[in-house]
N, C-alpha and C. Protein backbone atom coordinates (compact mmCIF):
# COMPACT_ATOMS: atom_id res chain seq x y z
N UNK A 1 79.06 90.77 94.96
CA UNK A 1 79.47 90.27 93.49
C UNK A 1 80.74 89.90 93.48
N UNK A 2 80.94 89.16 92.81
CA UNK A 2 82.76 88.96 91.96
C UNK A 2 81.95 89.25 90.93
N UNK A 3 83.48 89.44 90.20
CA UNK A 3 83.63 89.73 88.50
C UNK A 3 83.06 91.40 88.41
N UNK A 4 82.57 92.18 89.49
CA UNK A 4 82.87 93.92 88.92
C UNK A 4 84.03 94.04 89.06
N UNK A 5 84.06 95.06 87.74
CA UNK A 5 85.16 95.83 87.33
C UNK A 5 85.46 97.22 88.61
N UNK A 6 86.87 97.07 88.15
CA UNK A 6 86.97 98.50 89.80
C UNK A 6 85.96 100.06 88.95
N UNK A 7 85.38 99.87 87.75
CA UNK A 7 84.65 101.34 87.18
C UNK A 7 83.43 100.70 88.00
N UNK A 8 83.09 99.68 88.09
CA UNK A 8 81.61 99.02 88.53
C UNK A 8 81.93 99.60 90.06
N UNK A 9 82.87 99.27 90.59
CA UNK A 9 82.99 99.43 91.87
C UNK A 9 83.42 101.54 92.45
N UNK A 10 84.01 101.90 91.42
CA UNK A 10 83.90 103.53 91.56
C UNK A 10 82.19 103.84 91.78
N UNK A 11 81.96 103.25 90.93
CA UNK A 11 80.20 103.77 90.68
C UNK A 11 79.72 103.79 91.95
N UNK A 12 79.88 102.57 92.59
CA UNK A 12 79.42 102.38 93.90
C UNK A 12 79.97 103.02 94.78
N UNK A 13 81.05 103.65 94.98
CA UNK A 13 81.30 104.85 95.58
C UNK A 13 80.72 105.77 95.78
N UNK A 14 80.73 105.95 94.28
CA UNK A 14 80.02 107.22 93.94
C UNK A 14 78.65 107.54 94.52
N UNK A 15 77.45 106.60 94.21
CA UNK A 15 76.51 106.29 94.77
C UNK A 15 76.18 105.83 96.25
N UNK A 16 77.27 105.49 96.70
CA UNK A 16 77.05 105.70 98.19
C UNK A 16 77.09 106.38 99.03
N UNK A 17 77.78 107.51 98.28
CA UNK A 17 78.41 108.97 99.23
C UNK A 17 76.69 109.86 99.55
N UNK A 18 75.85 109.78 98.13
CA UNK A 18 75.02 109.70 98.29
C UNK A 18 74.38 109.72 96.84
N UNK A 19 72.71 109.28 96.81
CA UNK A 19 72.04 109.35 95.89
C UNK A 19 72.39 110.26 94.34
N UNK A 20 72.59 109.67 93.10
CA UNK A 20 72.68 110.16 92.37
C UNK A 20 72.03 109.96 90.85
N UNK A 21 71.65 110.81 89.81
CA UNK A 21 71.67 110.32 88.44
C UNK A 21 72.84 110.00 88.02
N UNK A 22 72.74 109.50 86.91
CA UNK A 22 73.70 109.03 85.63
C UNK A 22 74.83 110.36 85.41
N UNK A 23 74.52 111.42 85.08
CA UNK A 23 74.81 112.99 85.03
C UNK A 23 75.40 112.87 85.75
N UNK A 24 75.54 113.10 87.72
CA UNK A 24 75.55 113.43 88.25
C UNK A 24 77.12 112.74 88.67
N UNK A 25 77.16 111.38 88.59
CA UNK A 25 77.77 110.22 88.72
C UNK A 25 78.88 110.84 87.26
N UNK A 26 78.79 110.61 85.99
CA UNK A 26 79.47 111.49 85.50
C UNK A 26 80.30 112.56 85.67
N UNK A 27 79.45 113.53 86.50
CA UNK A 27 80.44 114.92 86.87
C UNK A 27 81.23 114.91 87.48
N UNK A 28 80.61 113.53 88.77
CA UNK A 28 82.08 113.84 89.40
C UNK A 28 83.14 112.91 89.18
N UNK A 29 82.76 112.13 88.47
CA UNK A 29 84.25 111.58 88.42
C UNK A 29 84.87 112.35 87.25
N UNK A 30 84.20 112.86 86.37
CA UNK A 30 84.94 113.92 85.75
C UNK A 30 85.79 114.82 86.57
N UNK A 31 85.99 115.09 87.82
CA UNK A 31 86.56 116.11 88.69
C UNK A 31 87.36 115.19 89.20
N UNK A 32 87.76 113.68 89.02
CA UNK A 32 88.56 112.68 90.01
C UNK A 32 89.51 112.10 88.71
N UNK A 33 90.90 113.17 89.06
CA UNK A 33 91.52 113.03 87.94
C UNK A 33 92.39 111.21 88.25
N UNK A 34 91.70 110.83 88.93
CA UNK A 34 92.85 109.27 89.06
C UNK A 34 91.79 108.42 88.76
N UNK A 35 90.52 108.42 88.15
CA UNK A 35 89.52 106.89 87.78
C UNK A 35 88.71 107.89 86.57
N UNK A 36 88.94 108.09 85.62
CA UNK A 36 87.89 108.27 84.78
C UNK A 36 86.53 107.50 84.77
N UNK A 37 85.33 108.30 83.92
CA UNK A 37 84.27 107.01 83.80
C UNK A 37 83.96 107.34 82.24
N UNK A 38 83.62 106.97 81.16
CA UNK A 38 83.35 107.14 79.98
C UNK A 38 81.75 107.35 79.83
N UNK A 39 81.29 107.99 79.17
CA UNK A 39 79.54 107.50 79.03
C UNK A 39 79.17 106.15 78.72
N UNK A 40 80.46 105.55 77.94
CA UNK A 40 80.45 104.48 76.93
C UNK A 40 80.48 103.11 78.61
N UNK A 41 81.00 103.40 79.27
CA UNK A 41 81.20 102.86 80.98
C UNK A 41 80.06 103.23 81.77
N UNK A 42 79.81 104.05 81.85
CA UNK A 42 78.71 104.72 82.80
C UNK A 42 77.24 103.92 82.83
N UNK A 43 76.80 104.11 81.62
CA UNK A 43 75.49 103.48 81.46
C UNK A 43 75.74 101.98 81.74
N UNK A 44 75.94 101.29 80.94
CA UNK A 44 76.23 100.00 81.04
C UNK A 44 76.07 99.42 82.23
N UNK A 45 77.13 99.95 83.44
CA UNK A 45 77.74 99.43 84.47
C UNK A 45 76.06 99.97 85.38
N UNK A 46 75.79 101.00 84.69
CA UNK A 46 74.53 101.45 86.02
C UNK A 46 73.36 99.98 85.31
N UNK A 47 73.28 99.74 84.84
CA UNK A 47 72.10 98.71 84.15
C UNK A 47 72.68 97.70 85.10
N UNK A 48 74.19 96.61 84.48
CA UNK A 48 74.51 95.61 85.51
C UNK A 48 74.40 95.73 87.13
N UNK A 49 75.13 97.30 87.34
CA UNK A 49 74.82 97.00 88.64
C UNK A 49 73.45 97.56 89.54
N UNK A 50 72.59 97.51 88.70
CA UNK A 50 70.84 97.31 88.78
C UNK A 50 70.21 96.06 88.73
N UNK A 51 71.23 95.37 87.77
CA UNK A 51 70.24 94.08 87.57
C UNK A 51 70.57 92.75 88.58
N UNK A 52 72.05 93.45 89.00
CA UNK A 52 72.81 92.34 90.19
C UNK A 52 72.05 92.97 91.76
N UNK A 53 71.23 93.27 91.80
CA UNK A 53 70.36 94.72 92.72
C UNK A 53 71.34 95.12 93.94
N UNK A 54 72.69 95.41 93.29
CA UNK A 54 73.92 96.45 94.23
C UNK A 54 73.53 98.18 94.09
N UNK A 55 71.96 98.50 93.18
CA UNK A 55 71.85 99.83 93.30
C UNK A 55 70.42 99.82 93.08
N UNK A 56 69.38 100.83 93.17
CA UNK A 56 68.61 100.90 92.70
C UNK A 56 67.90 101.98 92.54
N UNK A 57 66.99 102.50 91.49
CA UNK A 57 66.35 103.77 90.95
C UNK A 57 65.25 104.37 92.34
N UNK A 58 65.26 105.61 91.62
CA UNK A 58 64.13 105.91 92.74
C UNK A 58 62.67 105.45 92.37
N UNK A 59 62.56 105.06 90.80
CA UNK A 59 61.54 104.71 90.17
C UNK A 59 60.44 105.83 89.61
N UNK A 60 61.29 106.59 89.96
CA UNK A 60 60.72 108.32 89.61
C UNK A 60 61.60 108.74 88.04
N UNK A 61 61.19 108.98 87.14
CA UNK A 61 61.99 109.87 86.00
C UNK A 61 62.09 111.09 85.99
N UNK A 62 62.64 112.10 86.19
CA UNK A 62 62.25 113.43 86.80
C UNK A 62 62.29 114.37 84.76
N UNK A 63 62.89 115.20 84.96
CA UNK A 63 62.86 115.84 83.73
C UNK A 63 64.08 114.91 82.81
N UNK A 64 63.43 115.06 82.09
CA UNK A 64 64.72 114.39 80.62
C UNK A 64 65.09 113.00 81.05
N UNK A 65 64.00 112.34 81.64
CA UNK A 65 64.31 110.99 81.99
C UNK A 65 65.31 110.36 83.01
N UNK A 66 65.70 111.50 83.86
CA UNK A 66 66.95 111.32 84.69
C UNK A 66 66.19 110.47 85.81
N UNK A 67 67.01 109.58 85.98
CA UNK A 67 66.64 108.67 87.23
C UNK A 67 67.98 108.72 88.36
N UNK A 68 67.44 108.62 89.46
CA UNK A 68 68.06 109.08 90.51
C UNK A 68 68.66 107.55 91.06
N UNK A 69 69.71 107.01 91.15
CA UNK A 69 70.49 105.69 92.11
C UNK A 69 70.61 105.82 93.08
N UNK A 70 70.92 104.97 93.97
CA UNK A 70 70.96 104.78 95.51
C UNK A 70 71.57 103.62 95.39
N UNK A 71 72.37 103.16 96.68
CA UNK A 71 72.72 101.94 96.81
C UNK A 71 71.77 101.26 97.31
N UNK A 72 72.35 99.69 97.32
CA UNK A 72 71.34 98.83 98.11
C UNK A 72 72.35 98.51 99.34
N UNK A 73 71.55 97.59 100.29
CA UNK A 73 72.81 97.07 101.32
C UNK A 73 73.21 96.16 100.74
N UNK A 74 73.32 95.59 99.99
CA UNK A 74 74.06 94.67 98.95
C UNK A 74 75.73 95.26 98.53
N UNK A 75 74.93 96.39 97.51
CA UNK A 75 75.66 97.23 97.07
C UNK A 75 76.66 97.36 97.93
N UNK A 76 75.94 98.07 99.18
CA UNK A 76 77.28 99.04 100.04
C UNK A 76 78.36 97.82 100.52
N UNK A 77 77.89 96.58 100.87
CA UNK A 77 78.61 95.24 101.17
C UNK A 77 79.31 95.41 100.37
N UNK A 78 79.09 94.86 98.76
CA UNK A 78 79.91 94.67 97.81
C UNK A 78 81.03 95.96 97.86
N UNK A 79 80.67 96.96 97.82
CA UNK A 79 81.84 98.09 98.11
C UNK A 79 82.42 98.05 98.98
N UNK A 80 82.39 97.07 100.54
CA UNK A 80 83.21 97.12 101.77
C UNK A 80 83.94 95.83 101.47
N UNK A 81 83.19 94.76 100.64
CA UNK A 81 84.31 93.66 100.10
C UNK A 81 85.40 94.19 99.13
N UNK A 82 85.14 95.02 97.92
CA UNK A 82 86.12 95.86 97.26
C UNK A 82 87.21 95.92 98.10
N UNK A 83 86.57 97.16 98.81
CA UNK A 83 87.75 98.29 99.51
C UNK A 83 88.17 97.24 100.81
N UNK A 84 88.13 95.91 101.11
CA UNK A 84 88.91 95.46 101.83
C UNK A 84 90.10 94.50 100.98
N UNK A 85 89.64 94.25 99.62
CA UNK A 85 90.73 93.57 99.29
C UNK A 85 91.47 94.04 98.74
N UNK A 86 93.15 93.47 98.49
CA UNK A 86 94.26 93.78 97.94
C UNK A 86 93.82 94.40 96.87
N UNK A 87 94.61 95.45 96.62
CA UNK A 87 94.83 96.80 95.33
C UNK A 87 95.58 95.83 95.10
N UNK A 88 95.56 95.29 93.33
CA UNK A 88 96.50 95.06 92.86
C UNK A 88 97.83 95.79 92.56
N UNK A 89 99.36 95.49 92.34
CA UNK A 89 100.38 96.63 92.43
C UNK A 89 100.03 97.40 91.07
N UNK A 90 100.85 98.19 91.36
CA UNK A 90 100.99 99.65 90.40
C UNK A 90 101.50 99.03 89.60
N UNK A 91 100.97 99.14 87.81
CA UNK A 91 101.63 98.77 86.40
C UNK A 91 101.90 100.01 85.65
N UNK A 92 103.00 100.32 85.29
CA UNK A 92 103.40 101.38 84.83
C UNK A 92 103.69 101.23 83.47
N UNK A 93 102.80 101.53 82.28
CA UNK A 93 103.23 101.42 80.84
C UNK A 93 103.12 102.55 80.28
N UNK A 94 104.11 103.18 79.93
CA UNK A 94 104.28 104.67 79.59
C UNK A 94 105.01 104.68 78.52
N UNK A 95 104.13 104.87 77.30
CA UNK A 95 104.79 104.91 76.10
C UNK A 95 105.88 105.99 76.15
N UNK A 96 105.61 107.28 76.78
CA UNK A 96 106.56 108.28 76.56
C UNK A 96 108.15 108.15 76.85
N UNK A 97 107.67 107.27 78.29
CA UNK A 97 109.25 106.87 78.58
C UNK A 97 110.19 105.72 77.56
N UNK A 98 109.39 104.88 77.06
CA UNK A 98 110.19 103.86 76.14
C UNK A 98 110.56 104.48 75.09
N UNK A 99 109.50 105.75 74.44
CA UNK A 99 110.44 106.58 73.49
C UNK A 99 111.37 107.21 73.87
N UNK A 100 111.34 107.95 75.09
CA UNK A 100 112.59 108.75 75.36
C UNK A 100 113.34 107.50 75.39
N UNK A 101 113.71 106.52 76.35
CA UNK A 101 114.51 105.86 75.91
C UNK A 101 115.24 105.46 74.53
N UNK A 102 114.43 104.94 73.64
CA UNK A 102 114.88 104.86 71.92
C UNK A 102 115.75 106.14 71.24
N UNK A 103 114.75 107.14 71.84
CA UNK A 103 114.95 108.91 71.22
C UNK A 103 115.82 109.14 71.81
N UNK A 104 116.56 109.28 72.49
CA UNK A 104 117.90 109.85 73.45
C UNK A 104 119.19 109.35 72.56
N UNK A 105 119.53 107.85 72.15
CA UNK A 105 120.86 107.86 71.63
C UNK A 105 120.56 108.31 70.03
N UNK A 106 119.43 108.06 69.49
CA UNK A 106 119.12 108.60 68.31
C UNK A 106 118.90 110.07 67.62
N UNK A 107 118.54 110.57 68.35
CA UNK A 107 118.00 112.46 68.07
C UNK A 107 117.66 113.41 69.05
N UNK A 108 118.76 113.68 69.68
CA UNK A 108 118.40 114.53 70.72
C UNK A 108 116.99 115.25 70.90
N UNK A 109 117.34 115.86 69.56
CA UNK A 109 116.07 117.17 69.15
C UNK A 109 114.59 116.33 69.76
N UNK A 110 114.27 115.30 69.23
CA UNK A 110 113.33 114.26 69.64
C UNK A 110 113.21 114.31 70.99
N UNK A 111 114.06 113.53 71.43
CA UNK A 111 114.30 113.22 72.78
C UNK A 111 114.02 114.46 73.96
N UNK A 112 114.32 115.74 73.48
CA UNK A 112 114.05 116.43 74.02
C UNK A 112 112.22 116.82 73.97
N UNK A 113 111.80 116.60 72.86
CA UNK A 113 110.42 117.05 72.29
C UNK A 113 109.26 115.89 73.36
N UNK A 114 110.17 114.99 73.78
CA UNK A 114 109.46 114.11 74.03
C UNK A 114 109.19 114.80 75.76
N UNK A 115 110.33 115.23 75.97
CA UNK A 115 110.59 115.74 77.29
C UNK A 115 109.19 116.62 77.52
N UNK A 116 109.73 117.18 76.75
CA UNK A 116 108.51 118.76 76.44
C UNK A 116 107.16 118.38 76.82
N UNK A 117 106.82 117.67 75.82
CA UNK A 117 105.19 116.60 75.74
C UNK A 117 105.15 116.32 77.08
N UNK A 118 106.13 115.59 77.85
CA UNK A 118 105.11 115.06 79.23
C UNK A 118 105.63 115.93 80.39
N UNK A 119 106.21 117.11 80.10
CA UNK A 119 106.49 117.99 80.99
C UNK A 119 104.98 119.14 80.73
N UNK A 120 104.42 119.61 79.46
CA UNK A 120 103.31 119.88 79.32
C UNK A 120 102.17 119.21 80.05
N UNK A 121 102.02 117.71 79.90
CA UNK A 121 101.12 117.06 80.19
C UNK A 121 101.05 116.87 81.56
N UNK A 122 102.26 116.77 82.36
CA UNK A 122 102.02 116.68 83.73
C UNK A 122 101.56 117.90 84.22
N UNK A 123 101.98 119.15 83.94
CA UNK A 123 101.75 120.30 84.33
C UNK A 123 100.31 120.61 83.88
N UNK A 124 99.45 119.88 83.04
CA UNK A 124 98.20 120.10 82.80
C UNK A 124 97.28 119.23 83.80
N UNK A 125 97.85 118.04 84.15
CA UNK A 125 97.49 117.40 85.07
C UNK A 125 97.78 117.89 86.59
N UNK A 126 98.54 118.48 86.80
CA UNK A 126 98.34 119.24 87.96
C UNK A 126 97.28 120.33 88.19
N UNK A 127 97.50 121.03 86.91
CA UNK A 127 96.28 122.25 87.23
C UNK A 127 94.37 121.41 87.30
N UNK A 128 94.74 120.35 86.50
CA UNK A 128 93.11 119.76 86.58
C UNK A 128 93.32 119.21 88.06
N UNK A 129 93.92 118.48 88.99
CA UNK A 129 94.13 118.59 90.28
C UNK A 129 93.79 119.81 91.25
N UNK A 130 94.55 120.68 90.72
CA UNK A 130 94.87 121.45 91.94
C UNK A 130 93.29 122.33 91.86
N UNK A 131 92.56 122.27 90.47
CA UNK A 131 91.01 122.80 90.72
C UNK A 131 90.15 122.09 91.42
N UNK A 132 90.61 120.92 91.52
CA UNK A 132 89.80 120.09 92.72
C UNK A 132 89.73 120.46 94.05
N UNK A 133 88.00 120.81 94.01
CA UNK A 133 88.02 120.89 96.16
C UNK A 133 87.00 119.95 96.32
N UNK A 134 88.30 119.17 96.85
CA UNK A 134 87.38 117.95 97.73
C UNK A 134 86.54 118.07 98.59
N UNK A 135 85.32 117.20 98.61
CA UNK A 135 84.35 117.49 99.06
C UNK A 135 83.13 118.86 99.06
N UNK A 136 83.28 119.35 97.95
CA UNK A 136 82.58 120.71 97.95
C UNK A 136 81.47 119.86 97.24
N UNK A 137 81.24 119.38 97.09
CA UNK A 137 79.20 118.86 96.60
C UNK A 137 78.87 117.92 97.91
N UNK A 138 79.81 117.55 98.95
CA UNK A 138 79.20 116.81 100.09
C UNK A 138 78.44 117.42 100.91
N UNK A 139 77.67 116.65 101.68
CA UNK A 139 76.76 117.25 102.70
C UNK A 139 77.99 117.42 104.01
N UNK A 140 77.60 118.04 105.28
CA UNK A 140 78.83 118.15 106.21
C UNK A 140 78.84 116.93 106.88
N UNK A 141 77.94 115.84 106.88
CA UNK A 141 77.95 114.70 107.34
C UNK A 141 79.35 114.24 106.75
N UNK A 142 78.70 114.14 105.43
CA UNK A 142 79.50 113.38 104.36
C UNK A 142 81.42 113.93 104.40
N UNK A 143 81.28 115.15 104.73
CA UNK A 143 82.73 115.54 104.80
C UNK A 143 83.68 115.17 106.14
N UNK A 144 82.55 115.53 107.08
CA UNK A 144 83.13 114.82 108.65
C UNK A 144 83.36 113.47 108.21
N UNK A 145 82.21 112.22 107.79
CA UNK A 145 83.10 111.11 107.67
C UNK A 145 84.01 110.76 106.92
N UNK A 146 84.74 111.80 105.41
CA UNK A 146 86.02 111.49 105.29
C UNK A 146 87.02 112.05 105.96
N UNK A 147 87.18 112.32 106.88
CA UNK A 147 87.68 113.30 107.47
C UNK A 147 88.66 114.34 106.46
N UNK A 148 90.10 114.18 106.56
CA UNK A 148 90.58 114.89 106.08
C UNK A 148 91.30 114.07 104.51
N UNK A 149 91.17 112.80 104.35
CA UNK A 149 91.50 111.81 103.38
C UNK A 149 91.37 112.59 101.92
N UNK A 150 89.93 113.36 101.84
CA UNK A 150 89.81 113.50 100.28
C UNK A 150 90.82 114.64 99.83
N UNK A 151 91.60 115.78 100.99
CA UNK A 151 92.09 117.03 100.75
C UNK A 151 93.56 115.72 100.44
N UNK A 152 94.18 114.98 101.29
CA UNK A 152 95.34 114.33 101.33
C UNK A 152 95.50 113.57 99.77
N UNK A 153 94.49 112.81 99.42
CA UNK A 153 94.38 112.46 98.25
C UNK A 153 95.04 113.52 97.24
N UNK A 154 94.22 114.29 97.12
CA UNK A 154 94.22 115.77 96.09
C UNK A 154 95.99 116.25 96.47
N UNK A 155 96.18 116.30 97.67
CA UNK A 155 97.86 116.44 97.73
C UNK A 155 98.58 115.81 96.80
N UNK A 156 98.18 114.56 96.83
CA UNK A 156 99.18 113.12 96.45
C UNK A 156 99.52 113.48 95.07
N UNK A 157 98.36 113.86 94.19
CA UNK A 157 97.75 114.22 92.99
C UNK A 157 98.95 115.80 92.61
N UNK A 158 98.71 116.33 93.33
CA UNK A 158 99.53 117.75 93.17
C UNK A 158 101.16 117.30 93.39
N UNK A 159 101.53 116.86 94.22
CA UNK A 159 102.61 116.56 94.90
C UNK A 159 103.73 115.42 93.67
N UNK A 160 102.68 114.14 93.22
CA UNK A 160 103.28 113.49 92.13
C UNK A 160 103.40 113.85 91.17
N UNK A 161 102.37 115.63 90.46
CA UNK A 161 102.84 116.45 89.56
C UNK A 161 103.69 116.67 89.65
N UNK A 162 103.89 117.57 90.45
CA UNK A 162 104.89 118.62 90.87
C UNK A 162 106.77 117.71 90.82
N UNK A 163 106.81 116.85 91.42
CA UNK A 163 107.96 116.01 91.22
C UNK A 163 108.16 115.50 89.23
N UNK A 164 106.89 114.97 88.91
CA UNK A 164 107.20 114.29 87.60
C UNK A 164 107.72 115.73 86.56
N UNK A 165 106.95 117.07 86.99
CA UNK A 165 107.76 117.98 86.22
C UNK A 165 109.21 118.55 86.84
N UNK A 166 109.40 118.53 87.89
CA UNK A 166 110.32 118.81 88.22
C UNK A 166 111.71 117.44 88.10
N UNK A 167 111.13 116.31 87.20
CA UNK A 167 112.04 115.55 86.40
C UNK A 167 112.43 115.80 85.17
N UNK A 168 111.04 116.38 84.85
CA UNK A 168 111.22 116.62 83.31
C UNK A 168 111.94 117.72 83.42
N UNK A 169 112.45 118.39 84.08
CA UNK A 169 113.02 120.02 84.09
C UNK A 169 114.96 119.32 83.61
N UNK A 170 114.92 118.43 85.11
CA UNK A 170 115.94 117.84 85.53
C UNK A 170 116.44 117.26 84.15
N UNK A 171 115.51 116.30 83.13
CA UNK A 171 116.14 115.68 82.18
C UNK A 171 115.93 116.76 80.93
N UNK A 172 115.47 117.80 80.90
CA UNK A 172 115.89 118.75 80.03
C UNK A 172 117.27 119.43 79.86
N UNK A 173 117.28 119.86 81.09
CA UNK A 173 118.54 120.16 81.55
C UNK A 173 119.92 119.74 80.74
N UNK A 174 119.72 118.11 81.39
CA UNK A 174 120.78 117.15 81.25
C UNK A 174 121.12 117.04 79.43
N UNK A 175 120.02 117.02 78.78
CA UNK A 175 119.92 117.10 77.41
C UNK A 175 120.25 118.08 76.62
N UNK A 176 120.43 119.40 77.85
CA UNK A 176 120.95 120.52 77.08
C UNK A 176 122.16 120.88 77.51
N UNK A 177 122.82 119.73 78.42
CA UNK A 177 124.36 119.79 78.93
C UNK A 177 124.98 118.88 78.30
N UNK A 178 124.17 117.70 77.82
CA UNK A 178 124.98 116.85 76.94
C UNK A 178 125.34 117.19 75.42
N UNK A 179 124.65 117.80 75.12
CA UNK A 179 124.92 118.68 73.63
C UNK A 179 126.06 118.77 73.17
């Protein structure tokens, strides 16, 4: 199906690994530091995917109306099609860096505060990524099928955060040295 959002495709990916309730999808997404899904996105997207025949419910409402969703053959094909599409280029819109660019010549203390804020955010992001246990909720077969890729994606996040923190430290040293 065309015109699915990246969030809808992400939901298909979560349901493709194994049937899940909306709550379980939200929990899995909350552990993913690279693509979040809000409740405001999740439930409308589940209805859209079900309406398009890409996922289906088990037809049973469990405790508190819990519906378990599973991917359909059409949904699996839509996921495969999306995975095979060229990914749009990374676009970085970073308000902190723009502020830093303008603050540096105007107010050294403000520039330093922006870098400290940035450093704290990347340190927090690193902690979030470090807490991820790739495939912890998966079956042995799911872990085997994924090979080492989930751990390598986690490593990417850790290295990215470490590099960003190191860059912040260099900028702070430069700001202190230029004073």
